[in-house]
Amino acid sequence: MIQLTLAWFVFIYLVVFLAGILFFWIGYEMLRKRLASEDSRQLIYCRICGVALTASIASTTGSLLRCPHCGSLNEDHHQGGL
């Protein structure tokens, strides 16, 4: 049987507990960033006034989307990037 002092037991318990919290935190942040990047890919910004428009509306009605704020036509054109 392995004998541990109380100090070592508390130290091991804290290390395991904090490592678990760290892994959950990293996993949550990775998931949050992935979902945020998927949401930002579906946004189109008006070239005149800068209002954010959803790409799902443009894809169902054709390649042009009329801005509800200024009335200009905008293309459903996504730029590549990271």
N, C-alpha and C. Protein backbone atom coordinates (compact mmCIF):
# COMPACT_ATOMS: atom_id res chain seq x y z
N MET A 1 0.84 -1.17 0.00
CA MET A 1 0.00 0.00 0.00
C MET A 1 0.88 1.24 0.00
N ILE A 2 0.50 2.21 -0.82
CA ILE A 2 1.26 3.44 -0.91
C ILE A 2 0.80 4.37 0.19
N GLN A 3 1.75 4.86 0.94
CA GLN A 3 1.40 5.78 2.01
C GLN A 3 1.69 7.20 1.57
N LEU A 4 0.68 8.06 1.70
CA LEU A 4 0.80 9.47 1.34
C LEU A 4 0.54 10.32 2.57
N THR A 5 1.30 11.36 2.68
CA THR A 5 1.01 12.32 3.73
C THR A 5 -0.16 13.17 3.29
N LEU A 6 -0.73 13.87 4.20
CA LEU A 6 -1.88 14.71 3.90
C LEU A 6 -1.50 15.81 2.91
N ALA A 7 -0.33 16.36 3.00
CA ALA A 7 0.10 17.42 2.09
C ALA A 7 0.19 16.92 0.66
N TRP A 8 0.75 15.72 0.46
CA TRP A 8 0.84 15.16 -0.90
C TRP A 8 -0.54 14.82 -1.44
N PHE A 9 -1.41 14.30 -0.61
CA PHE A 9 -2.76 13.97 -1.04
C PHE A 9 -3.50 15.22 -1.51
N VAL A 10 -3.40 16.30 -0.76
CA VAL A 10 -4.05 17.56 -1.13
C VAL A 10 -3.42 18.10 -2.42
N PHE A 11 -2.12 18.00 -2.56
CA PHE A 11 -1.44 18.48 -3.76
C PHE A 11 -1.90 17.69 -5.00
N ILE A 12 -1.95 16.38 -4.91
CA ILE A 12 -2.38 15.56 -6.04
C ILE A 12 -3.84 15.84 -6.38
N TYR A 13 -4.68 15.97 -5.37
CA TYR A 13 -6.09 16.26 -5.59
C TYR A 13 -6.25 17.60 -6.31
N LEU A 14 -5.54 18.63 -5.90
CA LEU A 14 -5.64 19.94 -6.53
C LEU A 14 -5.12 19.92 -7.97
N VAL A 15 -4.04 19.22 -8.21
CA VAL A 15 -3.49 19.13 -9.57
C VAL A 15 -4.48 18.46 -10.50
N VAL A 16 -5.07 17.36 -10.08
CA VAL A 16 -6.04 16.64 -10.92
C VAL A 16 -7.28 17.50 -11.15
N PHE A 17 -7.77 18.15 -10.12
CA PHE A 17 -8.96 19.00 -10.22
C PHE A 17 -8.71 20.18 -11.16
N LEU A 18 -7.59 20.86 -11.01
CA LEU A 18 -7.29 22.01 -11.86
C LEU A 18 -6.99 21.59 -13.30
N ALA A 19 -6.39 20.43 -13.49
CA ALA A 19 -6.16 19.93 -14.85
C ALA A 19 -7.49 19.64 -15.54
N GLY A 20 -8.44 19.08 -14.81
CA GLY A 20 -9.77 18.83 -15.37
C GLY A 20 -10.46 20.12 -15.77
N ILE A 21 -10.40 21.13 -14.93
CA ILE A 21 -10.99 22.43 -15.26
C ILE A 21 -10.31 23.02 -16.49
N LEU A 22 -9.00 22.91 -16.58
CA LEU A 22 -8.26 23.43 -17.73
C LEU A 22 -8.69 22.75 -19.03
N PHE A 23 -8.85 21.43 -19.01
CA PHE A 23 -9.27 20.70 -20.21
C PHE A 23 -10.69 21.08 -20.63
N PHE A 24 -11.59 21.23 -19.67
CA PHE A 24 -12.94 21.67 -20.01
C PHE A 24 -12.94 23.07 -20.58
N TRP A 25 -12.13 23.95 -20.03
CA TRP A 25 -12.04 25.33 -20.49
C TRP A 25 -11.52 25.39 -21.93
N ILE A 26 -10.47 24.65 -22.21
CA ILE A 26 -9.90 24.63 -23.56
C ILE A 26 -10.91 24.07 -24.55
N GLY A 27 -11.58 22.99 -24.20
CA GLY A 27 -12.60 22.41 -25.07
C GLY A 27 -13.75 23.36 -25.33
N TYR A 28 -14.20 24.06 -24.30
CA TYR A 28 -15.28 25.03 -24.45
C TYR A 28 -14.86 26.17 -25.37
N GLU A 29 -13.67 26.68 -25.21
CA GLU A 29 -13.19 27.78 -26.06
C GLU A 29 -13.04 27.35 -27.52
N MET A 30 -12.57 26.13 -27.76
CA MET A 30 -12.46 25.64 -29.12
C MET A 30 -13.84 25.52 -29.77
N LEU A 31 -14.80 25.01 -29.03
CA LEU A 31 -16.17 24.88 -29.54
C LEU A 31 -16.79 26.25 -29.79
N ARG A 32 -16.58 27.20 -28.87
CA ARG A 32 -17.14 28.53 -29.01
C ARG A 32 -16.57 29.24 -30.23
N LYS A 33 -15.26 29.12 -30.47
CA LYS A 33 -14.65 29.75 -31.64
C LYS A 33 -15.13 29.12 -32.94
N ARG A 34 -15.30 27.81 -32.95
CA ARG A 34 -15.79 27.14 -34.15
C ARG A 34 -17.20 27.60 -34.48
N LEU A 35 -18.07 27.69 -33.48
CA LEU A 35 -19.45 28.13 -33.72
C LEU A 35 -19.49 29.60 -34.13
N ALA A 36 -18.62 30.43 -33.55
CA ALA A 36 -18.59 31.84 -33.91
C ALA A 36 -18.10 32.03 -35.34
N SER A 37 -17.14 31.23 -35.79
CA SER A 37 -16.65 31.38 -37.15
C SER A 37 -17.69 30.91 -38.16
N GLU A 38 -18.50 29.89 -37.82
CA GLU A 38 -19.57 29.45 -38.71
C GLU A 38 -20.64 30.52 -38.84
N ASP A 39 -20.95 31.22 -37.73
CA ASP A 39 -21.93 32.29 -37.79
C ASP A 39 -21.43 33.46 -38.61
N SER A 40 -20.15 33.78 -38.50
CA SER A 40 -19.62 34.93 -39.23
C SER A 40 -19.50 34.66 -40.72
N ARG A 41 -19.41 33.39 -41.13
CA ARG A 41 -19.35 33.06 -42.56
C ARG A 41 -20.68 33.32 -43.25
N GLN A 42 -21.77 33.33 -42.50
CA GLN A 42 -23.08 33.52 -43.10
C GLN A 42 -23.49 34.99 -43.12
N LEU A 43 -22.62 35.89 -42.78
CA LEU A 43 -22.92 37.32 -42.80
C LEU A 43 -22.34 37.98 -44.04
N ILE A 44 -23.12 38.86 -44.63
CA ILE A 44 -22.66 39.69 -45.74
C ILE A 44 -22.79 41.13 -45.25
N TYR A 45 -21.78 41.93 -45.49
CA TYR A 45 -21.83 43.33 -45.09
C TYR A 45 -22.11 44.20 -46.30
N CYS A 46 -23.04 45.11 -46.15
CA CYS A 46 -23.40 46.03 -47.23
C CYS A 46 -22.18 46.89 -47.54
N ARG A 47 -21.90 47.07 -48.83
CA ARG A 47 -20.73 47.85 -49.24
C ARG A 47 -20.94 49.34 -49.10
N ILE A 48 -22.18 49.78 -48.98
CA ILE A 48 -22.48 51.21 -48.86
C ILE A 48 -22.56 51.64 -47.40
N CYS A 49 -23.43 50.97 -46.62
CA CYS A 49 -23.66 51.43 -45.25
C CYS A 49 -23.03 50.54 -44.18
N GLY A 50 -22.61 49.32 -44.53
CA GLY A 50 -21.93 48.44 -43.58
C GLY A 50 -22.84 47.61 -42.70
N VAL A 51 -24.14 47.56 -42.98
CA VAL A 51 -25.06 46.75 -42.19
C VAL A 51 -24.82 45.27 -42.48
N ALA A 52 -24.89 44.44 -41.44
CA ALA A 52 -24.69 43.00 -41.61
C ALA A 52 -25.99 42.37 -42.11
N LEU A 53 -25.88 41.59 -43.21
CA LEU A 53 -27.01 40.89 -43.80
C LEU A 53 -26.73 39.40 -43.73
N THR A 54 -27.78 38.58 -43.65
CA THR A 54 -27.56 37.14 -43.58
C THR A 54 -27.44 36.55 -44.97
N ALA A 55 -26.53 35.63 -45.15
CA ALA A 55 -26.27 35.02 -46.45
C ALA A 55 -27.36 34.02 -46.82
N SER A 56 -28.08 33.48 -45.85
CA SER A 56 -29.11 32.49 -46.16
C SER A 56 -30.25 33.11 -46.95
N ILE A 57 -30.55 34.38 -46.72
CA ILE A 57 -31.59 35.08 -47.48
C ILE A 57 -31.13 35.26 -48.92
N ALA A 58 -29.87 35.61 -49.10
CA ALA A 58 -29.35 35.84 -50.45
C ALA A 58 -29.28 34.56 -51.26
N SER A 59 -28.95 33.46 -50.62
CA SER A 59 -28.82 32.22 -51.38
C SER A 59 -30.18 31.69 -51.84
N THR A 60 -31.26 32.01 -51.12
CA THR A 60 -32.58 31.51 -51.53
C THR A 60 -33.21 32.41 -52.59
N THR A 61 -32.87 33.69 -52.62
CA THR A 61 -33.50 34.61 -53.56
C THR A 61 -32.64 34.88 -54.78
N GLY A 62 -31.46 34.38 -54.87
CA GLY A 62 -30.56 34.62 -56.00
C GLY A 62 -29.23 35.12 -55.49
N SER A 63 -28.46 35.71 -56.39
CA SER A 63 -27.12 36.15 -55.99
C SER A 63 -27.10 37.60 -55.52
N LEU A 64 -28.20 38.35 -55.66
CA LEU A 64 -28.24 39.74 -55.22
C LEU A 64 -29.16 39.88 -54.01
N LEU A 65 -28.76 40.71 -53.09
CA LEU A 65 -29.53 40.94 -51.88
C LEU A 65 -29.66 42.44 -51.69
N ARG A 66 -30.88 42.91 -51.52
CA ARG A 66 -31.12 44.33 -51.30
C ARG A 66 -30.98 44.64 -49.81
N CYS A 67 -30.18 45.64 -49.50
CA CYS A 67 -29.96 46.05 -48.12
C CYS A 67 -31.23 46.71 -47.59
N PRO A 68 -31.73 46.29 -46.43
CA PRO A 68 -32.94 46.91 -45.89
C PRO A 68 -32.70 48.31 -45.35
N HIS A 69 -31.45 48.66 -45.11
CA HIS A 69 -31.14 49.97 -44.54
C HIS A 69 -31.00 51.05 -45.62
N CYS A 70 -30.18 50.79 -46.64
CA CYS A 70 -29.93 51.82 -47.65
C CYS A 70 -30.51 51.48 -49.02
N GLY A 71 -30.93 50.22 -49.24
CA GLY A 71 -31.54 49.84 -50.50
C GLY A 71 -30.58 49.45 -51.61
N SER A 72 -29.29 49.44 -51.37
CA SER A 72 -28.34 49.06 -52.41
C SER A 72 -28.31 47.54 -52.58
N LEU A 73 -27.94 47.11 -53.79
CA LEU A 73 -27.84 45.68 -54.07
C LEU A 73 -26.44 45.18 -53.71
N ASN A 74 -26.38 44.03 -53.07
CA ASN A 74 -25.13 43.44 -52.64
C ASN A 74 -25.07 42.01 -53.14
N GLU A 75 -23.88 41.57 -53.55
CA GLU A 75 -23.68 40.21 -54.03
C GLU A 75 -23.45 39.28 -52.86
N ASP A 76 -23.87 38.04 -53.05
CA ASP A 76 -23.57 36.99 -52.10
C ASP A 76 -22.19 36.46 -52.40
N HIS A 77 -21.17 37.25 -52.10
CA HIS A 77 -19.79 36.94 -52.44
C HIS A 77 -18.99 36.84 -51.15
N HIS A 78 -18.49 35.65 -50.87
CA HIS A 78 -17.69 35.44 -49.66
C HIS A 78 -16.23 35.49 -50.02
N GLN A 79 -15.46 36.17 -49.21
CA GLN A 79 -14.03 36.21 -49.41
C GLN A 79 -13.39 35.08 -48.63
N GLY A 80 -12.38 34.48 -49.22
CA GLY A 80 -11.66 33.42 -48.52
C GLY A 80 -10.78 33.99 -47.43
N GLY A 81 -10.34 33.15 -46.58
CA GLY A 81 -9.47 33.59 -45.51
C GLY A 81 -9.36 32.53 -44.44
N LEU A 82 -8.73 32.90 -43.37
CA LEU A 82 -8.55 31.95 -42.27
C LEU A 82 -9.78 31.90 -41.48
